[in-house]
Amino acid sequence: MTPTHPSTYGKLIVFEGIDGTGKSTQIKGLADYLTGHGYSVTLLREPTDGPHGRRIRQLATAGLDGISAEEECELFRLDRVEDVARNIRPALERGDIVLLDRYYFSTMAYQGARGLDMDQIRRANEAFAPIPDRVLYLDLAPEASIERIRSGRGETPNLFERREFLETVRANYQSFGGDGWIPIDASRSREEVLREIIQALEASDLWTAPSLDAK
């Protein structure tokens, strides 16, 4: 994954994984760590709170019977076009470290599980979206993720959290890789996961100055 933006830009770090892996918790932990070391950090998530993102969330709650995989994939693409233009690129141009909760890899993994071509989704998104400097893939077995959702949020998992579907999504994620792709075992404690994330980013030579010093 070679970044498409100049080195004078900020850095784009994406968190990926099935729901219940602790992405939001780890993003906040890394953001606190980075700001404590003097970095300017921008936190973003997809789907966004824009019109297309709100529609995606409504569909996730109501179910997908009324929309095809192709239509849903296009909603994600349109939402991402706005996110790149309004949020991601401006933050990178300011020199911020952008921590993004889900990106086009989620679209590949989830819509791939609905039968769409993952390579085609990648090409369509990389035509306009900056390629991340690093992707932190939080890996967790679906049965564990579903239990976390039930016990931690008091929610009944919807279509996207059904075990069989999530097994396919997880297999899709595990098929990804390459430079910049960092798998993280998310089954451990929050503290252990965050420590590994920080150490993995340090070892990847992502930072220029000041150097991070994991404790």
C-alpha atoms as a PDB file:
ATOM      1  CA  MET A   1       0.000   0.000   0.000  1.00  0.00           C
ATOM      2  CA  THR A   2       2.095   2.916  -1.205  1.00  0.00           C
ATOM      3  CA  PRO A   3       0.563   6.277  -0.183  1.00  0.00           C
ATOM      4  CA  THR A   4      -0.617   8.422  -3.071  1.00  0.00           C
ATOM      5  CA  HIS A   5      -0.184  11.687  -1.183  1.00  0.00           C
ATOM      6  CA  PRO A   6       3.140  13.532  -0.706  1.00  0.00           C
ATOM      7  CA  SER A   7       5.181  12.985   2.442  1.00  0.00           C
ATOM      8  CA  THR A   8       4.493  16.587   3.444  1.00  0.00           C
ATOM      9  CA  TYR A   9       0.880  15.601   4.056  1.00  0.00           C
ATOM     10  CA  GLY A  10      -0.380  14.111   7.264  1.00  0.00           C
ATOM     11  CA  LYS A  11      -0.856  10.381   7.752  1.00  0.00           C
ATOM     12  CA  LEU A  12      -3.988   8.322   7.175  1.00  0.00           C
ATOM     13  CA  ILE A  13      -4.448   5.407   9.572  1.00  0.00           C
ATOM     14  CA  VAL A  14      -7.524   3.243   9.081  1.00  0.00           C
ATOM     15  CA  PHE A  15      -9.079   0.871  11.606  1.00  0.00           C
ATOM     16  CA  GLU A  16     -10.899  -2.133  10.141  1.00  0.00           C
ATOM     17  CA  GLY A  17     -12.647  -5.245  11.405  1.00  0.00           C
ATOM     18  CA  ILE A  18     -16.084  -6.710  11.953  1.00  0.00           C
ATOM     19  CA  ASP A  19     -18.353  -4.969  14.431  1.00  0.00           C
ATOM     20  CA  GLY A  20     -17.567  -5.617  18.092  1.00  0.00           C
ATOM     21  CA  THR A  21     -13.786  -5.718  17.681  1.00  0.00           C
ATOM     22  CA  GLY A  22     -13.253  -2.516  19.684  1.00  0.00           C
ATOM     23  CA  LYS A  23     -12.315  -0.148  16.859  1.00  0.00           C
ATOM     24  CA  SER A  24     -13.900   2.915  18.458  1.00  0.00           C
ATOM     25  CA  THR A  25     -12.219   2.225  21.797  1.00  0.00           C
ATOM     26  CA  GLN A  26      -8.795   1.721  20.226  1.00  0.00           C
ATOM     27  CA  ILE A  27      -9.103   4.800  18.019  1.00  0.00           C
ATOM     28  CA  LYS A  28      -9.805   6.924  21.079  1.00  0.00           C
ATOM     29  CA  GLY A  29      -6.893   5.342  22.936  1.00  0.00           C
ATOM     30  CA  LEU A  30      -4.483   5.974  20.071  1.00  0.00           C
ATOM     31  CA  ALA A  31      -5.792   9.525  19.618  1.00  0.00           C
ATOM     32  CA  ASP A  32      -5.178  10.286  23.300  1.00  0.00           C
ATOM     33  CA  TYR A  33      -1.692   8.825  23.024  1.00  0.00           C
ATOM     34  CA  LEU A  34      -0.818  10.809  19.912  1.00  0.00           C
ATOM     35  CA  THR A  35      -2.176  14.129  21.157  1.00  0.00           C
ATOM     36  CA  GLY A  36      -0.244  13.567  24.367  1.00  0.00           C
ATOM     37  CA  HIS A  37       2.909  13.402  22.228  1.00  0.00           C
ATOM     38  CA  GLY A  38       2.174  16.652  20.424  1.00  0.00           C
ATOM     39  CA  TYR A  39       0.496  15.386  17.251  1.00  0.00           C
ATOM     40  CA  SER A  40      -2.568  17.001  15.689  1.00  0.00           C
ATOM     41  CA  VAL A  41      -5.183  14.289  15.263  1.00  0.00           C
ATOM     42  CA  THR A  42      -8.462  14.173  13.329  1.00  0.00           C
ATOM     43  CA  LEU A  43     -10.979  11.443  14.165  1.00  0.00           C
ATOM     44  CA  LEU A  44     -13.387  10.340  11.434  1.00  0.00           C
ATOM     45  CA  ARG A  45     -15.729   7.436  10.808  1.00  0.00           C
ATOM     46  CA  GLU A  46     -17.597   5.868   7.929  1.00  0.00           C
ATOM     47  CA  PRO A  47     -20.430   5.845   7.193  1.00  0.00           C
ATOM     48  CA  THR A  48     -20.431   9.561   7.921  1.00  0.00           C
ATOM     49  CA  ASP A  49     -23.251  11.672   9.330  1.00  0.00           C
ATOM     50  CA  GLY A  50     -23.952  13.056   5.853  1.00  0.00           C
ATOM     51  CA  PRO A  51     -27.109  12.227   3.874  1.00  0.00           C
ATOM     52  CA  HIS A  52     -25.713   9.073   2.290  1.00  0.00           C
ATOM     53  CA  GLY A  53     -24.219   7.896   5.579  1.00  0.00           C
ATOM     54  CA  ARG A  54     -27.516   8.415   7.399  1.00  0.00           C
ATOM     55  CA  ARG A  55     -29.292   6.406   4.721  1.00  0.00           C
ATOM     56  CA  ILE A  56     -26.788   3.567   5.135  1.00  0.00           C
ATOM     57  CA  ARG A  57     -27.392   3.494   8.900  1.00  0.00           C
ATOM     58  CA  GLN A  58     -31.148   3.435   8.383  1.00  0.00           C
ATOM     59  CA  LEU A  59     -30.785   0.452   6.082  1.00  0.00           C
ATOM     60  CA  ALA A  60     -28.523  -1.363   8.547  1.00  0.00           C
ATOM     61  CA  THR A  61     -31.222  -0.972  11.199  1.00  0.00           C
ATOM     62  CA  ALA A  62     -34.226  -1.752   9.007  1.00  0.00           C
ATOM     63  CA  GLY A  63     -32.667  -4.546   6.968  1.00  0.00           C
ATOM     64  CA  LEU A  64     -31.521  -4.824   3.394  1.00  0.00           C
ATOM     65  CA  ASP A  65     -34.529  -6.436   1.734  1.00  0.00           C
ATOM     66  CA  GLY A  66     -35.400  -3.235  -0.086  1.00  0.00           C
ATOM     67  CA  ILE A  67     -31.963  -2.503  -1.578  1.00  0.00           C
ATOM     68  CA  SER A  68     -29.604  -4.483  -3.777  1.00  0.00           C
ATOM     69  CA  ALA A  69     -25.942  -5.021  -2.968  1.00  0.00           C
ATOM     70  CA  GLU A  70     -25.052  -2.798  -5.931  1.00  0.00           C
ATOM     71  CA  GLU A  71     -27.238   0.056  -4.690  1.00  0.00           C
ATOM     72  CA  GLU A  72     -25.847  -0.236  -1.181  1.00  0.00           C
ATOM     73  CA  CYS A  73     -22.279  -0.264  -2.484  1.00  0.00           C
ATOM     74  CA  GLU A  74     -22.981   2.898  -4.452  1.00  0.00           C
ATOM     75  CA  LEU A  75     -24.303   4.604  -1.300  1.00  0.00           C
ATOM     76  CA  PHE A  76     -21.013   3.822   0.425  1.00  0.00           C
ATOM     77  CA  ARG A  77     -19.056   5.180  -2.523  1.00  0.00           C
ATOM     78  CA  LEU A  78     -21.050   8.421  -2.623  1.00  0.00           C
ATOM     79  CA  ASP A  79     -20.677   8.859   1.136  1.00  0.00           C
ATOM     80  CA  ARG A  80     -16.927   8.328   0.799  1.00  0.00           C
ATOM     81  CA  VAL A  81     -16.600  10.822  -2.055  1.00  0.00           C
ATOM     82  CA  GLU A  82     -18.030  13.485   0.274  1.00  0.00           C
ATOM     83  CA  ASP A  83     -15.886  12.332   3.189  1.00  0.00           C
ATOM     84  CA  VAL A  84     -12.681  12.528   1.142  1.00  0.00           C
ATOM     85  CA  ALA A  85     -13.503  15.997  -0.194  1.00  0.00           C
ATOM     86  CA  ARG A  86     -14.820  17.549   3.009  1.00  0.00           C
ATOM     87  CA  ASN A  87     -12.869  15.814   5.734  1.00  0.00           C
ATOM     88  CA  ILE A  88     -10.044  13.446   4.815  1.00  0.00           C
ATOM     89  CA  ARG A  89      -8.053  15.470   2.273  1.00  0.00           C
ATOM     90  CA  PRO A  90      -8.356  18.790   4.176  1.00  0.00           C
ATOM     91  CA  ALA A  91      -7.105  17.118   7.370  1.00  0.00           C
ATOM     92  CA  LEU A  92      -4.183  15.508   5.528  1.00  0.00           C
ATOM     93  CA  GLU A  93      -3.320  18.836   3.906  1.00  0.00           C
ATOM     94  CA  ARG A  94      -3.200  20.405   7.390  1.00  0.00           C
ATOM     95  CA  GLY A  95      -0.622  17.780   8.309  1.00  0.00           C
ATOM     96  CA  ASP A  96      -2.925  15.947  10.736  1.00  0.00           C
ATOM     97  CA  ILE A  97      -2.812  12.284  11.590  1.00  0.00           C
ATOM     98  CA  VAL A  98      -6.224  11.059  10.464  1.00  0.00           C
ATOM     99  CA  LEU A  99      -7.643   8.111  12.399  1.00  0.00           C
ATOM    100  CA  LEU A 100     -10.511   6.669  10.370  1.00  0.00           C
ATOM    101  CA  ASP A 101     -13.021   4.132  11.660  1.00  0.00           C
ATOM    102  CA  ARG A 102     -13.752   2.032   8.526  1.00  0.00           C
ATOM    103  CA  TYR A 103     -12.883   2.833   4.923  1.00  0.00           C
ATOM    104  CA  TYR A 104     -13.260   1.154   1.556  1.00  0.00           C
ATOM    105  CA  PHE A 105     -11.880  -2.121   2.939  1.00  0.00           C
ATOM    106  CA  SER A 106     -15.137  -2.426   4.892  1.00  0.00           C
ATOM    107  CA  THR A 107     -17.070  -1.977   1.662  1.00  0.00           C
ATOM    108  CA  MET A 108     -14.942  -4.674   0.037  1.00  0.00           C
ATOM    109  CA  ALA A 109     -15.372  -7.108   2.934  1.00  0.00           C
ATOM    110  CA  TYR A 110     -19.084  -6.558   3.588  1.00  0.00           C
ATOM    111  CA  GLN A 111     -20.341  -6.044   0.052  1.00  0.00           C
ATOM    112  CA  GLY A 112     -18.021  -8.824  -1.049  1.00  0.00           C
ATOM    113  CA  ALA A 113     -19.935 -11.024   1.393  1.00  0.00           C
ATOM    114  CA  ARG A 114     -23.084 -10.020  -0.490  1.00  0.00           C
ATOM    115  CA  GLY A 115     -21.571 -11.252  -3.728  1.00  0.00           C
ATOM    116  CA  LEU A 116     -19.896  -8.206  -5.264  1.00  0.00           C
ATOM    117  CA  ASP A 117     -16.412  -8.202  -6.807  1.00  0.00           C
ATOM    118  CA  MET A 118     -13.979  -6.951  -4.155  1.00  0.00           C
ATOM    119  CA  ASP A 119     -11.274  -6.003  -6.642  1.00  0.00           C
ATOM    120  CA  GLN A 120     -13.746  -3.902  -8.578  1.00  0.00           C
ATOM    121  CA  ILE A 121     -14.790  -2.128  -5.385  1.00  0.00           C
ATOM    122  CA  ARG A 122     -11.146  -1.414  -4.576  1.00  0.00           C
ATOM    123  CA  ARG A 123     -10.463   0.049  -8.015  1.00  0.00           C
ATOM    124  CA  ALA A 124     -13.577   2.230  -7.926  1.00  0.00           C
ATOM    125  CA  ASN A 125     -12.601   3.678  -4.538  1.00  0.00           C
ATOM    126  CA  GLU A 126      -8.873   4.085  -5.092  1.00  0.00           C
ATOM    127  CA  ALA A 127      -9.706   6.164  -8.165  1.00  0.00           C
ATOM    128  CA  PHE A 128     -10.586   9.050  -5.801  1.00  0.00           C
ATOM    129  CA  ALA A 129      -9.780   8.045  -2.220  1.00  0.00           C
ATOM    130  CA  PRO A 130      -6.289   8.412  -0.680  1.00  0.00           C
ATOM    131  CA  ILE A 131      -4.646   5.079  -0.006  1.00  0.00           C
ATOM    132  CA  PRO A 132      -4.000   4.698   3.732  1.00  0.00           C
ATOM    133  CA  ASP A 133      -0.493   4.819   5.140  1.00  0.00           C
ATOM    134  CA  ARG A 134      -1.439   2.003   7.531  1.00  0.00           C
ATOM    135  CA  VAL A 135      -4.484  -0.212   8.053  1.00  0.00           C
ATOM    136  CA  LEU A 136      -4.931  -1.699  11.513  1.00  0.00           C
ATOM    137  CA  TYR A 137      -7.093  -4.793  11.082  1.00  0.00           C
ATOM    138  CA  LEU A 138      -8.595  -5.846  14.420  1.00  0.00           C
ATOM    139  CA  ASP A 139      -9.310  -9.547  14.096  1.00  0.00           C
ATOM    140  CA  LEU A 140     -11.888 -11.306  16.263  1.00  0.00           C
ATOM    141  CA  ALA A 141     -13.986 -14.448  15.885  1.00  0.00           C
ATOM    142  CA  PRO A 142     -17.625 -13.643  15.033  1.00  0.00           C
ATOM    143  CA  GLU A 143     -19.016 -15.462  18.064  1.00  0.00           C
ATOM    144  CA  ALA A 144     -16.858 -13.276  20.314  1.00  0.00           C
ATOM    145  CA  SER A 145     -17.861 -10.092  18.480  1.00  0.00           C
ATOM    146  CA  ILE A 146     -21.563 -10.955  18.772  1.00  0.00           C
ATOM    147  CA  GLU A 147     -21.191 -11.625  22.495  1.00  0.00           C
ATOM    148  CA  ARG A 148     -19.471  -8.267  22.957  1.00  0.00           C
ATOM    149  CA  ILE A 149     -22.307  -6.523  21.148  1.00  0.00           C
ATOM    150  CA  ARG A 150     -24.929  -8.244  23.279  1.00  0.00           C
ATOM    151  CA  SER A 151     -23.195  -7.803  26.631  1.00  0.00           C
ATOM    152  CA  GLY A 152     -21.535  -4.439  26.071  1.00  0.00           C
ATOM    153  CA  ARG A 153     -24.257  -2.582  24.183  1.00  0.00           C
ATOM    154  CA  GLY A 154     -27.379  -4.492  25.114  1.00  0.00           C
ATOM    155  CA  GLU A 155     -28.182  -4.804  21.408  1.00  0.00           C
ATOM    156  CA  THR A 156     -29.612  -7.630  19.361  1.00  0.00           C
ATOM    157  CA  PRO A 157     -27.231  -8.051  16.409  1.00  0.00           C
ATOM    158  CA  ASN A 158     -28.757  -7.162  13.034  1.00  0.00           C
ATOM    159  CA  LEU A 159     -28.003  -8.689   9.644  1.00  0.00           C
ATOM    160  CA  PHE A 160     -24.430  -7.441   9.655  1.00  0.00           C
ATOM    161  CA  GLU A 161     -23.721  -9.193  12.947  1.00  0.00           C
ATOM    162  CA  ARG A 162     -25.220 -12.573  12.121  1.00  0.00           C
ATOM    163  CA  ARG A 163     -22.592 -15.217  12.634  1.00  0.00           C
ATOM    164  CA  GLU A 164     -22.640 -16.892   9.220  1.00  0.00           C
ATOM    165  CA  PHE A 165     -22.482 -13.557   7.439  1.00  0.00           C
ATOM    166  CA  LEU A 166     -19.682 -12.335   9.688  1.00  0.00           C
ATOM    167  CA  GLU A 167     -17.689 -15.511   9.045  1.00  0.00           C
ATOM    168  CA  THR A 168     -17.671 -14.579   5.350  1.00  0.00           C
ATOM    169  CA  VAL A 169     -16.823 -10.951   6.109  1.00  0.00           C
ATOM    170  CA  ARG A 170     -13.947 -12.034   8.348  1.00  0.00           C
ATOM    171  CA  ALA A 171     -12.620 -14.398   5.676  1.00  0.00           C
ATOM    172  CA  ASN A 172     -12.694 -11.513   3.203  1.00  0.00           C
ATOM    173  CA  TYR A 173     -10.732  -9.312   5.593  1.00  0.00           C
ATOM    174  CA  GLN A 174      -8.202 -12.071   6.168  1.00  0.00           C
ATOM    175  CA  SER A 175      -7.627 -12.304   2.422  1.00  0.00           C
ATOM    176  CA  PHE A 176      -6.389  -8.704   2.346  1.00  0.00           C
ATOM    177  CA  GLY A 177      -2.798  -7.758   3.016  1.00  0.00           C
ATOM    178  CA  GLY A 178       0.265  -6.101   1.602  1.00  0.00           C
ATOM    179  CA  ASP A 179       2.472  -3.247   2.739  1.00  0.00           C
ATOM    180  CA  GLY A 180       0.838  -1.202   5.447  1.00  0.00           C
ATOM    181  CA  TRP A 181      -1.693  -3.863   6.461  1.00  0.00           C
ATOM    182  CA  ILE A 182      -1.247  -4.667  10.168  1.00  0.00           C
ATOM    183  CA  PRO A 183      -3.310  -7.510  11.694  1.00  0.00           C
ATOM    184  CA  ILE A 184      -4.022  -7.158  15.410  1.00  0.00           C
ATOM    185  CA  ASP A 185      -5.460  -9.868  17.691  1.00  0.00           C
ATOM    186  CA  ALA A 186      -8.490  -8.102  19.193  1.00  0.00           C
ATOM    187  CA  SER A 187      -9.414 -10.914  21.595  1.00  0.00           C
ATOM    188  CA  ARG A 188      -7.178  -9.562  24.365  1.00  0.00           C
ATOM    189  CA  SER A 189      -7.698  -6.745  26.852  1.00  0.00           C
ATOM    190  CA  ARG A 190      -8.073  -3.155  25.672  1.00  0.00           C
ATOM    191  CA  GLU A 191      -4.721  -2.256  27.187  1.00  0.00           C
ATOM    192  CA  GLU A 192      -2.892  -5.126  25.486  1.00  0.00           C
ATOM    193  CA  VAL A 193      -4.442  -4.319  22.107  1.00  0.00           C
ATOM    194  CA  LEU A 194      -3.575  -0.622  22.354  1.00  0.00           C
ATOM    195  CA  ARG A 195       0.005  -1.448  23.366  1.00  0.00           C
ATOM    196  CA  GLU A 196       0.409  -3.677  20.312  1.00  0.00           C
ATOM    197  CA  ILE A 197      -1.098  -1.016  18.038  1.00  0.00           C
ATOM    198  CA  ILE A 198       1.372   1.611  19.251  1.00  0.00           C
ATOM    199  CA  GLN A 199       4.325  -0.747  19.005  1.00  0.00           C
ATOM    200  CA  ALA A 200       3.298  -1.886  15.513  1.00  0.00           C
ATOM    201  CA  LEU A 201       3.031   1.701  14.280  1.00  0.00           C
ATOM    202  CA  GLU A 202       6.405   2.569  15.752  1.00  0.00           C
ATOM    203  CA  ALA A 203       8.011  -0.485  14.141  1.00  0.00           C
ATOM    204  CA  SER A 204       6.543   0.451  10.751  1.00  0.00           C
ATOM    205  CA  ASP A 205       8.614   3.666  10.578  1.00  0.00           C
ATOM    206  CA  LEU A 206       5.490   5.732   9.923  1.00  0.00           C
ATOM    207  CA  TRP A 207       6.487   8.662  12.078  1.00  0.00           C
ATOM    208  CA  THR A 208       8.972  11.350  11.199  1.00  0.00           C
ATOM    209  CA  ALA A 209       9.018  13.552  14.301  1.00  0.00           C
ATOM    210  CA  PRO A 210       8.679  13.499  17.217  1.00  0.00           C
ATOM    211  CA  SER A 211       9.347   9.827  17.818  1.00  0.00           C
ATOM    212  CA  LEU A 212       6.760   7.888  19.776  1.00  0.00           C
ATOM    213  CA  ASP A 213       7.939   6.200  22.939  1.00  0.00           C
ATOM    214  CA  ALA A 214       5.525   3.451  23.971  1.00  0.00           C
ATOM    215  CA  LYS A 215       5.342   2.874  27.681  1.00  0.00           C
END
